[in-house]
């Protein structure tokens, strides 16, 4: 099973407050929105931590491997830093 099939986002309103959603069109990851506006505030930046167990973060060993990220910086407003 892929990560998106066996993992879930739970515990808070991640989509509404932080702009974090599962990648349902491909079922292979997550989408992170940089600016998220909601009823009470505007959140700039989203950060995601991947857990390996309930109390251990996932360690990615990337030697001679690849970690791919697609970034759409075309909609960033002037003055925002879209660094990854």
C-alpha atoms as a PDB file:
ATOM      1  CA  UNK A   1       0.000   0.000   0.000  1.00  0.00           C
ATOM      2  CA  UNK A   2       1.200   3.490  -0.757  1.00  0.00           C
ATOM      3  CA  UNK A   3       1.759   6.006   2.030  1.00  0.00           C
ATOM      4  CA  UNK A   4      -1.419   7.935   1.200  1.00  0.00           C
ATOM      5  CA  UNK A   5      -3.461   4.736   1.359  1.00  0.00           C
ATOM      6  CA  UNK A   6      -2.093   3.677   4.746  1.00  0.00           C
ATOM      7  CA  UNK A   7      -1.676   7.124   6.362  1.00  0.00           C
ATOM      8  CA  UNK A   8      -4.127   9.768   7.432  1.00  0.00           C
ATOM      9  CA  UNK A   9      -4.230  13.386   8.479  1.00  0.00           C
ATOM     10  CA  UNK A  10      -6.021  13.695  11.810  1.00  0.00           C
ATOM     11  CA  UNK A  11      -6.231  15.706  15.003  1.00  0.00           C
ATOM     12  CA  UNK A  12      -6.962  19.214  13.707  1.00  0.00           C
ATOM     13  CA  UNK A  13      -8.570  21.080  10.846  1.00  0.00           C
ATOM     14  CA  UNK A  14      -5.416  20.769   8.746  1.00  0.00           C
ATOM     15  CA  UNK A  15      -7.133  21.734   5.483  1.00  0.00           C
ATOM     16  CA  UNK A  16      -8.972  24.780   6.878  1.00  0.00           C
ATOM     17  CA  UNK A  17      -6.287  26.074   9.245  1.00  0.00           C
ATOM     18  CA  UNK A  18      -3.009  25.042   7.634  1.00  0.00           C
ATOM     19  CA  UNK A  19      -3.791  24.214   3.977  1.00  0.00           C
ATOM     20  CA  UNK A  20      -2.690  20.564   4.261  1.00  0.00           C
ATOM     21  CA  UNK A  21      -4.730  17.970   2.339  1.00  0.00           C
ATOM     22  CA  UNK A  22      -4.184  14.462   1.046  1.00  0.00           C
ATOM     23  CA  UNK A  23      -3.385  14.188  -2.640  1.00  0.00           C
ATOM     24  CA  UNK A  24      -6.655  12.486  -3.626  1.00  0.00           C
ATOM     25  CA  UNK A  25      -6.216  12.828  -7.395  1.00  0.00           C
ATOM     26  CA  UNK A  26      -3.101  10.615  -7.418  1.00  0.00           C
ATOM     27  CA  UNK A  27      -3.386   9.000  -3.948  1.00  0.00           C
ATOM     28  CA  UNK A  28       0.368   9.266  -3.487  1.00  0.00           C
ATOM     29  CA  UNK A  29       1.053  12.163  -1.134  1.00  0.00           C
ATOM     30  CA  UNK A  30      -0.101  15.444   0.352  1.00  0.00           C
ATOM     31  CA  UNK A  31      -0.646  19.020  -0.805  1.00  0.00           C
ATOM     32  CA  UNK A  32       0.711  21.931   1.260  1.00  0.00           C
ATOM     33  CA  UNK A  33      -0.685  25.433   0.693  1.00  0.00           C
ATOM     34  CA  UNK A  34       1.575  28.330   1.615  1.00  0.00           C
ATOM     35  CA  UNK A  35      -1.132  30.900   2.439  1.00  0.00           C
ATOM     36  CA  UNK A  36      -4.371  29.671   4.041  1.00  0.00           C
ATOM     37  CA  UNK A  37      -7.136  32.133   4.865  1.00  0.00           C
ATOM     38  CA  UNK A  38      -9.903  31.037   7.216  1.00  0.00           C
ATOM     39  CA  UNK A  39     -12.666  32.593   9.307  1.00  0.00           C
ATOM     40  CA  UNK A  40     -10.437  33.713  12.179  1.00  0.00           C
ATOM     41  CA  UNK A  41      -6.954  34.213  10.739  1.00  0.00           C
ATOM     42  CA  UNK A  42      -4.528  33.890   7.855  1.00  0.00           C
ATOM     43  CA  UNK A  43      -1.790  31.269   8.144  1.00  0.00           C
ATOM     44  CA  UNK A  44       1.481  31.730   6.238  1.00  0.00           C
ATOM     45  CA  UNK A  45       3.526  28.609   5.645  1.00  0.00           C
ATOM     46  CA  UNK A  46       2.711  25.002   6.318  1.00  0.00           C
ATOM     47  CA  UNK A  47       4.967  22.476   7.943  1.00  0.00           C
ATOM     48  CA  UNK A  48       4.455  18.744   8.025  1.00  0.00           C
ATOM     49  CA  UNK A  49       6.162  16.134  10.180  1.00  0.00           C
ATOM     50  CA  UNK A  50       5.916  12.470   9.166  1.00  0.00           C
ATOM     51  CA  UNK A  51       5.645   9.992  12.026  1.00  0.00           C
ATOM     52  CA  UNK A  52       7.103   6.480  11.923  1.00  0.00           C
ATOM     53  CA  UNK A  53       5.245   5.474  15.090  1.00  0.00           C
ATOM     54  CA  UNK A  54       3.212   7.340  17.715  1.00  0.00           C
ATOM     55  CA  UNK A  55       6.338   8.837  19.306  1.00  0.00           C
ATOM     56  CA  UNK A  56       9.040   8.608  16.598  1.00  0.00           C
ATOM     57  CA  UNK A  57       9.540  10.776  13.525  1.00  0.00           C
ATOM     58  CA  UNK A  58      10.109   9.067  10.168  1.00  0.00           C
ATOM     59  CA  UNK A  59      13.778   9.147   9.152  1.00  0.00           C
ATOM     60  CA  UNK A  60      14.337   9.388   5.398  1.00  0.00           C
ATOM     61  CA  UNK A  61      17.681   7.913   4.336  1.00  0.00           C
ATOM     62  CA  UNK A  62      18.313   9.587   0.990  1.00  0.00           C
ATOM     63  CA  UNK A  63      21.872   8.570   0.121  1.00  0.00           C
ATOM     64  CA  UNK A  64      21.877   7.767  -3.620  1.00  0.00           C
ATOM     65  CA  UNK A  65      18.098   8.224  -3.644  1.00  0.00           C
ATOM     66  CA  UNK A  66      15.713  10.983  -4.557  1.00  0.00           C
ATOM     67  CA  UNK A  67      13.063  12.977  -2.699  1.00  0.00           C
ATOM     68  CA  UNK A  68      10.891  14.815  -5.227  1.00  0.00           C
ATOM     69  CA  UNK A  69       8.885  17.956  -4.492  1.00  0.00           C
ATOM     70  CA  UNK A  70       6.810  19.987  -6.965  1.00  0.00           C
ATOM     71  CA  UNK A  71       6.494  23.663  -6.120  1.00  0.00           C
ATOM     72  CA  UNK A  72       4.122  26.086  -7.862  1.00  0.00           C
ATOM     73  CA  UNK A  73       5.623  29.503  -7.132  1.00  0.00           C
ATOM     74  CA  UNK A  74       3.624  31.274  -9.837  1.00  0.00           C
ATOM     75  CA  UNK A  75       0.932  32.411  -7.424  1.00  0.00           C
ATOM     76  CA  UNK A  76       3.171  33.766  -4.645  1.00  0.00           C
ATOM     77  CA  UNK A  77       2.528  37.421  -3.955  1.00  0.00           C
ATOM     78  CA  UNK A  78       5.407  39.896  -3.993  1.00  0.00           C
ATOM     79  CA  UNK A  79       7.592  39.657  -0.900  1.00  0.00           C
ATOM     80  CA  UNK A  80       6.785  36.049   0.050  1.00  0.00           C
ATOM     81  CA  UNK A  81       9.676  33.600   0.243  1.00  0.00           C
ATOM     82  CA  UNK A  82       8.839  30.287  -1.452  1.00  0.00           C
ATOM     83  CA  UNK A  83      12.001  28.495  -0.329  1.00  0.00           C
ATOM     84  CA  UNK A  84      11.872  24.799   0.314  1.00  0.00           C
END
